[in-house]
């Protein structure tokens, strides 16, 4: 017995899930990264315009620029990983198509290919998810620290300038919430693909049993 058509159907669903998540990504992480870069630029402008002088505010400026740059790197890594996922799935699809006309030894090759794809995806997406969670925490901490530093640097006649930093801090928290939603989407995508991969393993194991029998 060869690989059943069900295996190809599962792979089709995995490719569809990947394409769907790519669509979600194009409307979330890049936009958040761009908005964060704008806020980082605004912060530097506020520093110049407000007249508030504080080593702490200056240090937070550097931290905010660093988080913004890090998010752009994570965005690039995530986009690259999704492209790699598509490539790996198409290679796996080719292996399954070849195995569809073959017998047990080819089924073993499919098992190896599925396990390799699943392990690589789990490792890469787990790493990216951890980076996103770290950036979310950093954004929240930055928002709080910016409010505190601005309040300490300001005075009763500088409330407007302090309010600018508080508004920026609120926007940073909003971006952190949106980034958390994007990280949740990534986790759901990973769980979906892992579930499909496990189902594919079960189908292959069943086909292998049939081939041996």
N, C-alpha and C. Protein backbone atom coordinates (compact mmCIF):
# COMPACT_ATOMS: atom_id res chain seq x y z
N UNK A 1 0.85 -1.20 0.00
CA UNK A 1 0.00 0.00 0.00
C UNK A 1 0.89 1.24 0.00
N UNK A 2 0.51 2.25 -0.78
CA UNK A 2 1.27 3.50 -0.85
C UNK A 2 0.64 4.55 0.06
N UNK A 3 1.23 5.74 0.03
CA UNK A 3 0.69 6.86 0.79
C UNK A 3 -0.72 7.18 0.28
N UNK A 4 -1.63 7.40 1.19
CA UNK A 4 -3.01 7.67 0.80
C UNK A 4 -3.20 9.14 0.41
N UNK A 5 -4.25 9.44 -0.37
CA UNK A 5 -4.53 10.84 -0.74
C UNK A 5 -4.77 11.74 0.47
N UNK A 6 -5.15 11.14 1.59
CA UNK A 6 -5.41 11.94 2.80
C UNK A 6 -4.17 12.71 3.23
N UNK A 7 -3.00 12.13 3.02
CA UNK A 7 -1.75 12.81 3.40
C UNK A 7 -1.58 14.09 2.60
N UNK A 8 -1.88 14.04 1.32
CA UNK A 8 -1.79 15.24 0.48
C UNK A 8 -2.82 16.28 0.90
N UNK A 9 -3.98 15.84 1.30
CA UNK A 9 -5.02 16.77 1.76
C UNK A 9 -4.57 17.50 3.03
N UNK A 10 -3.90 16.78 3.91
CA UNK A 10 -3.39 17.40 5.14
C UNK A 10 -2.32 18.44 4.79
N UNK A 11 -1.44 18.10 3.87
CA UNK A 11 -0.41 19.05 3.45
C UNK A 11 -1.03 20.30 2.81
N UNK A 12 -2.09 20.11 2.05
CA UNK A 12 -2.79 21.26 1.46
C UNK A 12 -3.32 22.17 2.56
N UNK A 13 -3.85 21.58 3.62
CA UNK A 13 -4.37 22.39 4.73
C UNK A 13 -3.23 23.13 5.43
N UNK A 14 -2.08 22.48 5.54
CA UNK A 14 -0.93 23.13 6.18
C UNK A 14 -0.45 24.33 5.36
N UNK A 15 -0.43 24.18 4.04
CA UNK A 15 -0.05 25.29 3.17
C UNK A 15 -1.07 26.42 3.25
N UNK A 16 -2.35 26.07 3.30
CA UNK A 16 -3.39 27.09 3.43
C UNK A 16 -3.25 27.85 4.75
N UNK A 17 -2.97 27.11 5.83
CA UNK A 17 -2.79 27.76 7.13
C UNK A 17 -1.60 28.71 7.10
N UNK A 18 -0.54 28.30 6.42
CA UNK A 18 0.64 29.16 6.31
C UNK A 18 0.30 30.44 5.55
N UNK A 19 -0.39 30.31 4.44
CA UNK A 19 -0.76 31.47 3.65
C UNK A 19 -1.70 32.40 4.42
N UNK A 20 -2.60 31.81 5.18
CA UNK A 20 -3.52 32.62 5.98
C UNK A 20 -2.76 33.42 7.03
N UNK A 21 -1.78 32.78 7.67
CA UNK A 21 -1.02 33.49 8.70
C UNK A 21 -0.14 34.56 8.08
N UNK A 22 0.40 34.31 6.89
CA UNK A 22 1.18 35.34 6.20
C UNK A 22 0.32 36.58 5.99
N UNK A 23 -0.95 36.37 5.63
CA UNK A 23 -1.87 37.49 5.46
C UNK A 23 -2.09 38.25 6.75
N UNK A 24 -2.22 37.53 7.85
CA UNK A 24 -2.39 38.18 9.15
C UNK A 24 -1.13 38.94 9.54
N UNK A 25 0.01 38.34 9.25
CA UNK A 25 1.28 38.98 9.59
C UNK A 25 1.43 40.31 8.88
N UNK A 26 1.03 40.36 7.59
CA UNK A 26 1.21 41.57 6.81
C UNK A 26 0.39 42.74 7.37
N UNK A 27 -0.62 42.42 8.18
CA UNK A 27 -1.42 43.50 8.75
C UNK A 27 -1.16 43.75 10.23
N UNK A 28 -0.18 43.06 10.79
CA UNK A 28 0.04 43.22 12.23
C UNK A 28 1.48 43.60 12.57
N UNK A 29 2.39 42.64 12.56
CA UNK A 29 3.74 42.90 13.05
C UNK A 29 4.46 44.02 12.29
N UNK A 30 4.46 44.04 10.95
CA UNK A 30 5.14 45.14 10.26
C UNK A 30 4.55 46.50 10.61
N UNK A 31 3.23 46.56 10.74
CA UNK A 31 2.59 47.83 11.09
C UNK A 31 2.98 48.27 12.50
N UNK A 32 3.00 47.32 13.41
CA UNK A 32 3.41 47.64 14.78
C UNK A 32 4.85 48.13 14.80
N UNK A 33 5.72 47.45 14.05
CA UNK A 33 7.13 47.85 13.99
C UNK A 33 7.28 49.27 13.46
N UNK A 34 6.50 49.59 12.44
CA UNK A 34 6.58 50.92 11.85
C UNK A 34 6.07 51.99 12.83
N UNK A 35 4.98 51.70 13.51
CA UNK A 35 4.42 52.65 14.47
C UNK A 35 5.36 52.83 15.66
N UNK A 36 6.02 51.76 16.06
CA UNK A 36 6.98 51.87 17.16
C UNK A 36 8.16 52.72 16.74
N UNK A 37 8.63 52.56 15.51
CA UNK A 37 9.73 53.39 15.02
C UNK A 37 9.33 54.87 15.01
N UNK A 38 8.08 55.14 14.67
CA UNK A 38 7.59 56.52 14.68
C UNK A 38 7.55 57.08 16.10
N UNK A 39 7.09 56.26 17.04
CA UNK A 39 7.06 56.70 18.44
C UNK A 39 8.47 56.94 18.98
N UNK A 40 9.39 56.09 18.58
CA UNK A 40 10.78 56.28 19.02
C UNK A 40 11.33 57.59 18.49
N UNK A 41 10.98 57.92 17.26
CA UNK A 41 11.41 59.20 16.68
C UNK A 41 10.73 60.36 17.41
N UNK A 42 9.44 60.20 17.72
CA UNK A 42 8.70 61.24 18.45
C UNK A 42 9.31 61.49 19.82
N UNK A 43 9.73 60.40 20.48
CA UNK A 43 10.33 60.55 21.80
C UNK A 43 11.56 61.45 21.73
N UNK A 44 12.40 61.19 20.75
CA UNK A 44 13.60 62.02 20.59
C UNK A 44 13.22 63.48 20.35
N UNK A 45 12.16 63.70 19.58
CA UNK A 45 11.68 65.05 19.30
C UNK A 45 11.16 65.71 20.58
N UNK A 46 10.40 64.93 21.37
CA UNK A 46 9.89 65.46 22.64
C UNK A 46 11.04 65.88 23.56
N UNK A 47 12.09 65.07 23.55
CA UNK A 47 13.25 65.40 24.37
C UNK A 47 13.80 66.78 24.00
N UNK A 48 13.84 67.07 22.72
CA UNK A 48 14.38 68.35 22.26
C UNK A 48 13.43 69.51 22.54
N UNK A 49 12.15 69.27 22.30
CA UNK A 49 11.17 70.36 22.41
C UNK A 49 10.75 70.67 23.84
N UNK A 50 10.73 69.66 24.68
CA UNK A 50 10.17 69.86 26.02
C UNK A 50 11.09 70.67 26.92
N UNK A 51 12.38 70.57 26.68
CA UNK A 51 13.32 71.24 27.57
C UNK A 51 13.54 70.47 28.86
N UNK A 52 12.92 69.31 28.99
CA UNK A 52 13.12 68.49 30.18
C UNK A 52 14.48 67.82 30.09
N UNK A 53 15.30 68.01 31.08
CA UNK A 53 16.63 67.42 31.09
C UNK A 53 16.72 66.36 32.17
N UNK A 54 17.11 65.18 31.75
CA UNK A 54 17.20 64.06 32.68
C UNK A 54 18.04 62.96 32.04
N UNK A 55 19.03 62.50 32.81
CA UNK A 55 19.82 61.38 32.31
C UNK A 55 18.96 60.14 32.11
N UNK A 56 17.96 60.02 32.98
CA UNK A 56 17.07 58.86 32.89
C UNK A 56 16.24 58.92 31.61
N UNK A 57 15.72 60.09 31.28
CA UNK A 57 14.95 60.24 30.05
C UNK A 57 15.83 59.93 28.83
N UNK A 58 17.06 60.39 28.87
CA UNK A 58 17.98 60.14 27.76
C UNK A 58 18.27 58.64 27.64
N UNK A 59 18.45 57.98 28.77
CA UNK A 59 18.72 56.55 28.75
C UNK A 59 17.52 55.77 28.19
N UNK A 60 16.32 56.21 28.56
CA UNK A 60 15.12 55.56 28.06
C UNK A 60 14.95 55.77 26.55
N UNK A 61 15.42 56.92 26.08
CA UNK A 61 15.41 57.18 24.64
C UNK A 61 16.22 56.10 23.92
N UNK A 62 17.42 55.83 24.43
CA UNK A 62 18.27 54.81 23.82
C UNK A 62 17.62 53.42 23.90
N UNK A 63 16.98 53.13 25.02
CA UNK A 63 16.32 51.83 25.17
C UNK A 63 15.17 51.67 24.19
N UNK A 64 14.41 52.75 24.01
CA UNK A 64 13.28 52.70 23.09
C UNK A 64 13.76 52.49 21.65
N UNK A 65 14.84 53.17 21.29
CA UNK A 65 15.41 52.97 19.96
C UNK A 65 15.87 51.52 19.80
N UNK A 66 16.42 50.95 20.86
CA UNK A 66 16.88 49.57 20.80
C UNK A 66 15.74 48.58 20.63
N UNK A 67 14.66 48.80 21.36
CA UNK A 67 13.50 47.91 21.24
C UNK A 67 12.90 48.00 19.84
N UNK A 68 12.84 49.22 19.31
CA UNK A 68 12.32 49.41 17.96
C UNK A 68 13.16 48.65 16.94
N UNK A 69 14.47 48.75 17.05
CA UNK A 69 15.36 48.05 16.13
C UNK A 69 15.20 46.53 16.28
N UNK A 70 15.05 46.08 17.53
CA UNK A 70 14.90 44.64 17.78
C UNK A 70 13.62 44.11 17.15
N UNK A 71 12.54 44.89 17.23
CA UNK A 71 11.28 44.44 16.65
C UNK A 71 11.40 44.33 15.13
N UNK A 72 12.11 45.24 14.52
CA UNK A 72 12.32 45.14 13.07
C UNK A 72 13.09 43.87 12.73
N UNK A 73 14.07 43.51 13.56
CA UNK A 73 14.82 42.28 13.33
C UNK A 73 13.92 41.05 13.48
N UNK A 74 13.07 41.06 14.51
CA UNK A 74 12.16 39.93 14.73
C UNK A 74 11.17 39.84 13.57
N UNK A 75 10.69 40.98 13.11
CA UNK A 75 9.79 40.99 11.96
C UNK A 75 10.45 40.32 10.76
N UNK A 76 11.69 40.69 10.50
CA UNK A 76 12.43 40.10 9.38
C UNK A 76 12.58 38.59 9.57
N UNK A 77 12.95 38.18 10.78
CA UNK A 77 13.14 36.75 11.06
C UNK A 77 11.84 35.98 10.88
N UNK A 78 10.73 36.58 11.33
CA UNK A 78 9.44 35.90 11.20
C UNK A 78 9.03 35.77 9.74
N UNK A 79 9.20 36.83 8.98
CA UNK A 79 8.87 36.77 7.56
C UNK A 79 9.73 35.72 6.84
N UNK A 80 11.01 35.69 7.18
CA UNK A 80 11.90 34.71 6.58
C UNK A 80 11.51 33.29 6.97
N UNK A 81 11.13 33.10 8.23
CA UNK A 81 10.75 31.78 8.69
C UNK A 81 9.49 31.30 7.98
N UNK A 82 8.53 32.19 7.77
CA UNK A 82 7.31 31.80 7.08
C UNK A 82 7.60 31.40 5.63
N UNK A 83 8.53 32.11 5.01
CA UNK A 83 8.93 31.71 3.65
C UNK A 83 9.62 30.35 3.68
N UNK A 84 10.44 30.13 4.70
CA UNK A 84 11.11 28.83 4.84
C UNK A 84 10.08 27.72 5.09
N UNK A 85 9.03 28.04 5.85
CA UNK A 85 7.98 27.06 6.12
C UNK A 85 7.31 26.62 4.82
N UNK A 86 7.01 27.60 3.97
CA UNK A 86 6.37 27.28 2.69
C UNK A 86 7.29 26.39 1.85
N UNK A 87 8.56 26.75 1.81
CA UNK A 87 9.53 25.97 1.03
C UNK A 87 9.61 24.53 1.57
N UNK A 88 9.68 24.41 2.90
CA UNK A 88 9.78 23.08 3.51
C UNK A 88 8.51 22.26 3.25
N UNK A 89 7.36 22.92 3.30
CA UNK A 89 6.10 22.20 3.04
C UNK A 89 6.02 21.73 1.59
N UNK A 90 6.51 22.55 0.69
CA UNK A 90 6.46 22.16 -0.73
C UNK A 90 7.42 20.99 -1.00
N UNK A 91 8.58 21.01 -0.33
CA UNK A 91 9.48 19.87 -0.45
C UNK A 91 8.83 18.61 0.12
N UNK A 92 8.15 18.77 1.25
CA UNK A 92 7.47 17.64 1.87
C UNK A 92 6.36 17.13 0.95
N UNK A 93 5.69 18.07 0.31
CA UNK A 93 4.64 17.69 -0.63
C UNK A 93 5.20 16.87 -1.78
N UNK A 94 6.39 17.26 -2.26
CA UNK A 94 7.03 16.51 -3.34
C UNK A 94 7.37 15.09 -2.90
N UNK A 95 7.85 14.98 -1.66
CA UNK A 95 8.19 13.65 -1.15
C UNK A 95 6.94 12.77 -1.06
N UNK A 96 5.83 13.37 -0.58
CA UNK A 96 4.59 12.61 -0.46
C UNK A 96 4.06 12.22 -1.83
N UNK A 97 4.15 13.14 -2.79
CA UNK A 97 3.70 12.83 -4.15
C UNK A 97 4.50 11.67 -4.73
N UNK A 98 5.80 11.66 -4.48
CA UNK A 98 6.64 10.56 -4.95
C UNK A 98 6.27 9.26 -4.26
N UNK A 99 5.98 9.37 -2.96
CA UNK A 99 5.66 8.16 -2.19
C UNK A 99 4.29 7.62 -2.54
N UNK A 100 3.43 8.45 -3.14
CA UNK A 100 2.07 8.01 -3.44
C UNK A 100 2.05 6.84 -4.42
N UNK A 101 3.13 6.68 -5.19
CA UNK A 101 3.21 5.60 -6.16
C UNK A 101 4.23 4.54 -5.75
N UNK A 102 4.76 4.69 -4.54
CA UNK A 102 5.80 3.76 -4.10
C UNK A 102 5.29 2.89 -2.96
N UNK A 103 6.23 2.21 -2.28
CA UNK A 103 5.87 1.28 -1.21
C UNK A 103 6.57 1.67 0.08
N UNK A 104 6.63 0.79 1.01
CA UNK A 104 7.05 1.06 2.37
C UNK A 104 8.34 1.86 2.52
N UNK A 105 9.45 1.55 1.83
CA UNK A 105 10.68 2.31 2.03
C UNK A 105 10.48 3.82 1.80
N UNK A 106 9.65 4.19 0.81
CA UNK A 106 9.38 5.60 0.55
C UNK A 106 8.56 6.21 1.67
N UNK A 107 7.71 5.43 2.28
CA UNK A 107 6.93 5.92 3.41
C UNK A 107 7.86 6.32 4.56
N UNK A 108 8.93 5.55 4.74
CA UNK A 108 9.91 5.91 5.77
C UNK A 108 10.53 7.26 5.50
N UNK A 109 10.79 7.57 4.23
CA UNK A 109 11.36 8.87 3.88
C UNK A 109 10.38 9.99 4.21
N UNK A 110 9.09 9.74 4.01
CA UNK A 110 8.08 10.74 4.35
C UNK A 110 8.06 10.98 5.85
N UNK A 111 8.16 9.92 6.63
CA UNK A 111 8.18 10.07 8.09
C UNK A 111 9.33 10.96 8.53
N UNK A 112 10.50 10.72 7.95
CA UNK A 112 11.68 11.52 8.30
C UNK A 112 11.46 12.98 7.92
N UNK A 113 10.89 13.21 6.73
CA UNK A 113 10.65 14.57 6.26
C UNK A 113 9.65 15.30 7.16
N UNK A 114 8.60 14.61 7.58
CA UNK A 114 7.60 15.22 8.47
C UNK A 114 8.23 15.57 9.81
N UNK A 115 9.00 14.66 10.36
CA UNK A 115 9.63 14.90 11.65
C UNK A 115 10.62 16.07 11.58
N UNK A 116 11.36 16.15 10.47
CA UNK A 116 12.31 17.25 10.30
C UNK A 116 11.60 18.58 10.20
N UNK A 117 10.54 18.63 9.40
CA UNK A 117 9.76 19.88 9.27
C UNK A 117 9.20 20.31 10.62
N UNK A 118 8.59 19.36 11.32
CA UNK A 118 7.95 19.69 12.59
C UNK A 118 8.96 20.19 13.62
N UNK A 119 10.12 19.52 13.71
CA UNK A 119 11.14 19.92 14.68
C UNK A 119 11.69 21.30 14.35
N UNK A 120 11.97 21.54 13.06
CA UNK A 120 12.50 22.85 12.65
C UNK A 120 11.50 23.97 12.92
N UNK A 121 10.23 23.71 12.60
CA UNK A 121 9.20 24.73 12.82
C UNK A 121 9.04 25.03 14.30
N UNK A 122 8.96 23.98 15.11
CA UNK A 122 8.79 24.18 16.55
C UNK A 122 9.93 25.01 17.13
N UNK A 123 11.14 24.67 16.74
CA UNK A 123 12.30 25.37 17.27
C UNK A 123 12.31 26.84 16.84
N UNK A 124 12.08 27.09 15.56
CA UNK A 124 12.14 28.45 15.04
C UNK A 124 11.02 29.32 15.60
N UNK A 125 9.80 28.80 15.60
CA UNK A 125 8.66 29.60 16.05
C UNK A 125 8.70 29.82 17.56
N UNK A 126 9.21 28.83 18.29
CA UNK A 126 9.35 29.02 19.74
C UNK A 126 10.33 30.14 20.03
N UNK A 127 11.43 30.19 19.28
CA UNK A 127 12.43 31.23 19.47
C UNK A 127 11.86 32.60 19.15
N UNK A 128 11.14 32.71 18.04
CA UNK A 128 10.55 34.00 17.66
C UNK A 128 9.49 34.42 18.67
N UNK A 129 8.68 33.48 19.11
CA UNK A 129 7.66 33.79 20.11
C UNK A 129 8.27 34.29 21.41
N UNK A 130 9.38 33.69 21.82
CA UNK A 130 10.06 34.14 23.03
C UNK A 130 10.59 35.56 22.87
N UNK A 131 11.11 35.88 21.70
CA UNK A 131 11.59 37.24 21.44
C UNK A 131 10.44 38.24 21.47
N UNK A 132 9.31 37.88 20.90
CA UNK A 132 8.15 38.77 20.92
C UNK A 132 7.68 39.02 22.35
N UNK A 133 7.64 37.97 23.15
CA UNK A 133 7.20 38.14 24.54
C UNK A 133 8.17 39.03 25.32
N UNK A 134 9.46 38.89 25.03
CA UNK A 134 10.45 39.75 25.68
C UNK A 134 10.25 41.21 25.29
N UNK A 135 9.97 41.46 24.02
CA UNK A 135 9.75 42.84 23.56
C UNK A 135 8.48 43.43 24.15
N UNK A 136 7.46 42.60 24.30
CA UNK A 136 6.22 43.07 24.93
C UNK A 136 6.50 43.56 26.35
N UNK A 137 7.25 42.77 27.10
CA UNK A 137 7.59 43.15 28.46
C UNK A 137 8.43 44.42 28.49
N UNK A 138 9.38 44.52 27.57
CA UNK A 138 10.22 45.72 27.51
C UNK A 138 9.40 46.96 27.20
N UNK A 139 8.44 46.83 26.30
CA UNK A 139 7.59 47.98 25.95
C UNK A 139 6.77 48.43 27.17
N UNK A 140 6.23 47.49 27.89
CA UNK A 140 5.44 47.85 29.08
C UNK A 140 6.32 48.53 30.14
N UNK A 141 7.49 47.98 30.35
CA UNK A 141 8.41 48.58 31.32
C UNK A 141 8.85 49.98 30.89
N UNK A 142 9.10 50.13 29.59
CA UNK A 142 9.49 51.44 29.07
C UNK A 142 8.38 52.46 29.30
N UNK A 143 7.15 52.07 29.04
CA UNK A 143 6.02 52.99 29.22
C UNK A 143 5.96 53.49 30.66
N UNK A 144 6.08 52.58 31.61
CA UNK A 144 6.03 52.96 33.02
C UNK A 144 7.21 53.85 33.40
N UNK A 145 8.40 53.45 32.96
CA UNK A 145 9.60 54.21 33.31
C UNK A 145 9.63 55.59 32.67
N UNK A 146 9.07 55.72 31.46
CA UNK A 146 9.01 57.03 30.81
C UNK A 146 8.11 57.97 31.59
N UNK A 147 6.97 57.47 32.05
CA UNK A 147 6.06 58.30 32.85
C UNK A 147 6.74 58.76 34.14
N UNK A 148 7.42 57.85 34.79
CA UNK A 148 8.08 58.19 36.06
C UNK A 148 9.21 59.19 35.83
N UNK A 149 10.04 58.93 34.82
CA UNK A 149 11.17 59.82 34.55
C UNK A 149 10.70 61.21 34.14
N UNK A 150 9.64 61.29 33.34
CA UNK A 150 9.12 62.59 32.91
C UNK A 150 8.55 63.36 34.09
N UNK A 151 7.86 62.66 34.97
CA UNK A 151 7.29 63.32 36.15
C UNK A 151 8.39 63.86 37.05
N UNK A 152 9.47 63.11 37.20
CA UNK A 152 10.58 63.57 38.04
C UNK A 152 11.33 64.74 37.40
N UNK A 153 11.42 64.71 36.07
CA UNK A 153 12.15 65.78 35.39
C UNK A 153 11.34 67.05 35.25
N UNK A 154 10.01 66.94 35.30
CA UNK A 154 9.13 68.09 35.11
C UNK A 154 8.92 68.87 36.38
N UNK A 155 8.11 69.89 36.25
CA UNK A 155 7.74 70.73 37.39
C UNK A 155 6.32 71.21 37.18
N UNK A 156 5.82 72.00 38.09
CA UNK A 156 4.43 72.47 38.01
C UNK A 156 4.18 73.30 36.75
N UNK A 157 5.21 73.96 36.23
CA UNK A 157 5.03 74.78 35.03
C UNK A 157 5.42 74.03 33.76
N UNK A 158 5.64 72.74 33.89
CA UNK A 158 6.02 71.95 32.72
C UNK A 158 5.07 70.77 32.53
N UNK A 159 3.82 70.93 32.99
CA UNK A 159 2.87 69.82 32.94
C UNK A 159 2.55 69.40 31.51
N UNK A 160 2.52 70.38 30.61
CA UNK A 160 2.21 70.05 29.21
C UNK A 160 3.28 69.14 28.63
N UNK A 161 4.54 69.45 28.91
CA UNK A 161 5.63 68.62 28.41
C UNK A 161 5.58 67.22 29.00
N UNK A 162 5.27 67.14 30.29
CA UNK A 162 5.16 65.84 30.94
C UNK A 162 4.02 65.04 30.33
N UNK A 163 2.91 65.73 30.02
CA UNK A 163 1.76 65.05 29.43
C UNK A 163 2.11 64.42 28.08
N UNK A 164 3.00 65.06 27.33
CA UNK A 164 3.41 64.50 26.06
C UNK A 164 4.05 63.12 26.25
N UNK A 165 4.91 63.01 27.25
CA UNK A 165 5.56 61.73 27.52
C UNK A 165 4.55 60.70 28.03
N UNK A 166 3.59 61.16 28.81
CA UNK A 166 2.56 60.24 29.32
C UNK A 166 1.69 59.71 28.18
N UNK A 167 1.40 60.58 27.22
CA UNK A 167 0.64 60.14 26.05
C UNK A 167 1.43 59.12 25.26
N UNK A 168 2.70 59.38 25.09
CA UNK A 168 3.56 58.44 24.37
C UNK A 168 3.60 57.10 25.10
N UNK A 169 3.67 57.14 26.43
CA UNK A 169 3.70 55.90 27.21
C UNK A 169 2.41 55.10 27.00
N UNK A 170 1.28 55.79 26.93
CA UNK A 170 0.00 55.11 26.68
C UNK A 170 0.02 54.43 25.31
N UNK A 171 0.57 55.11 24.32
CA UNK A 171 0.67 54.53 22.98
C UNK A 171 1.59 53.30 22.97
N UNK A 172 2.65 53.36 23.76
CA UNK A 172 3.54 52.20 23.85
C UNK A 172 2.81 51.00 24.44
N UNK A 173 1.96 51.23 25.43
CA UNK A 173 1.19 50.13 26.03
C UNK A 173 0.22 49.55 25.00
N UNK A 174 -0.36 50.43 24.19
CA UNK A 174 -1.27 49.96 23.15
C UNK A 174 -0.53 49.07 22.15
N UNK A 175 0.66 49.49 21.76
CA UNK A 175 1.46 48.67 20.84
C UNK A 175 1.84 47.34 21.49
N UNK A 176 2.13 47.37 22.78
CA UNK A 176 2.46 46.12 23.49
C UNK A 176 1.27 45.16 23.45
N UNK A 177 0.06 45.71 23.63
CA UNK A 177 -1.14 44.86 23.57
C UNK A 177 -1.32 44.26 22.18
N UNK A 178 -1.08 45.07 21.16
CA UNK A 178 -1.22 44.57 19.79
C UNK A 178 -0.14 43.54 19.46
N UNK A 179 1.05 43.76 20.00
CA UNK A 179 2.13 42.79 19.77
C UNK A 179 1.84 41.48 20.50
N UNK A 180 1.21 41.59 21.66
CA UNK A 180 0.81 40.37 22.38
C UNK A 180 -0.21 39.59 21.56
N UNK A 181 -1.15 40.31 20.93
CA UNK A 181 -2.13 39.64 20.07
C UNK A 181 -1.44 38.94 18.90
N UNK A 182 -0.43 39.60 18.33
CA UNK A 182 0.32 38.99 17.22
C UNK A 182 1.07 37.74 17.70
N UNK A 183 1.63 37.81 18.91
CA UNK A 183 2.33 36.65 19.47
C UNK A 183 1.35 35.51 19.72
N UNK A 184 0.13 35.84 20.15
CA UNK A 184 -0.90 34.82 20.34
C UNK A 184 -1.27 34.17 19.01
N UNK A 185 -1.35 34.98 17.95
CA UNK A 185 -1.65 34.44 16.62
C UNK A 185 -0.55 33.48 16.17
N UNK A 186 0.69 33.84 16.47
CA UNK A 186 1.81 32.97 16.11
C UNK A 186 1.72 31.65 16.85
N UNK A 187 1.37 31.70 18.13
CA UNK A 187 1.25 30.48 18.92
C UNK A 187 0.13 29.59 18.37
N UNK A 188 -1.01 30.21 18.00
CA UNK A 188 -2.12 29.45 17.44
C UNK A 188 -1.71 28.81 16.11
N UNK A 189 -0.99 29.58 15.29
CA UNK A 189 -0.51 29.05 14.01
C UNK A 189 0.40 27.86 14.25
N UNK A 190 1.33 27.99 15.19
CA UNK A 190 2.26 26.90 15.48
C UNK A 190 1.50 25.66 15.97
N UNK A 191 0.51 25.88 16.85
CA UNK A 191 -0.27 24.75 17.36
C UNK A 191 -1.07 24.08 16.25
N UNK A 192 -1.60 24.90 15.34
CA UNK A 192 -2.36 24.36 14.21
C UNK A 192 -1.48 23.50 13.33
N UNK A 193 -0.29 24.01 12.99
CA UNK A 193 0.62 23.26 12.13
C UNK A 193 1.13 21.99 12.83
N UNK A 194 1.36 22.09 14.13
CA UNK A 194 1.80 20.91 14.88
C UNK A 194 0.71 19.85 14.90
N UNK A 195 -0.54 20.30 15.04
CA UNK A 195 -1.66 19.35 15.00
C UNK A 195 -1.77 18.67 13.64
N UNK A 196 -1.61 19.46 12.57
CA UNK A 196 -1.64 18.87 11.23
C UNK A 196 -0.49 17.87 11.05
N UNK A 197 0.69 18.25 11.54
CA UNK A 197 1.85 17.36 11.40
C UNK A 197 1.62 16.05 12.15
N UNK A 198 1.02 16.13 13.34
CA UNK A 198 0.74 14.93 14.10
C UNK A 198 -0.27 14.05 13.38
N UNK A 199 -1.28 14.69 12.79
CA UNK A 199 -2.26 13.93 12.02
C UNK A 199 -1.60 13.27 10.81
N UNK A 200 -0.69 14.00 10.18
CA UNK A 200 0.02 13.44 9.03
C UNK A 200 0.85 12.23 9.44
N UNK A 201 1.49 12.32 10.61
CA UNK A 201 2.25 11.16 11.11
C UNK A 201 1.34 9.96 11.30
N UNK A 202 0.15 10.19 11.84
CA UNK A 202 -0.79 9.09 12.07
C UNK A 202 -1.22 8.43 10.77
N UNK A 203 -1.48 9.27 9.76
CA UNK A 203 -1.88 8.73 8.45
C UNK A 203 -0.74 7.92 7.84
N UNK A 204 0.49 8.44 7.95
CA UNK A 204 1.65 7.74 7.39
C UNK A 204 1.87 6.42 8.11
N UNK A 205 1.72 6.44 9.45
CA UNK A 205 1.89 5.20 10.22
C UNK A 205 0.85 4.17 9.80
N UNK A 206 -0.36 4.63 9.58
CA UNK A 206 -1.43 3.71 9.13
C UNK A 206 -1.10 3.15 7.76
N UNK A 207 -0.62 4.05 6.86
CA UNK A 207 -0.28 3.58 5.52
C UNK A 207 0.90 2.60 5.55
N UNK A 208 1.86 2.87 6.46
CA UNK A 208 3.02 1.98 6.57
C UNK A 208 2.57 0.60 7.05
N UNK A 209 1.64 0.59 8.02
CA UNK A 209 1.13 -0.69 8.52
C UNK A 209 0.45 -1.45 7.40
N UNK A 210 -0.30 -0.74 6.58
CA UNK A 210 -0.97 -1.37 5.45
C UNK A 210 0.02 -1.88 4.42
N UNK A 211 1.12 -1.10 4.22
CA UNK A 211 2.11 -1.53 3.24
C UNK A 211 2.82 -2.80 3.69
N UNK A 212 3.15 -2.85 4.99
CA UNK A 212 3.82 -4.04 5.52
C UNK A 212 2.90 -5.25 5.47
N UNK A 213 1.60 -5.01 5.81
CA UNK A 213 0.64 -6.11 5.79
C UNK A 213 0.46 -6.65 4.37
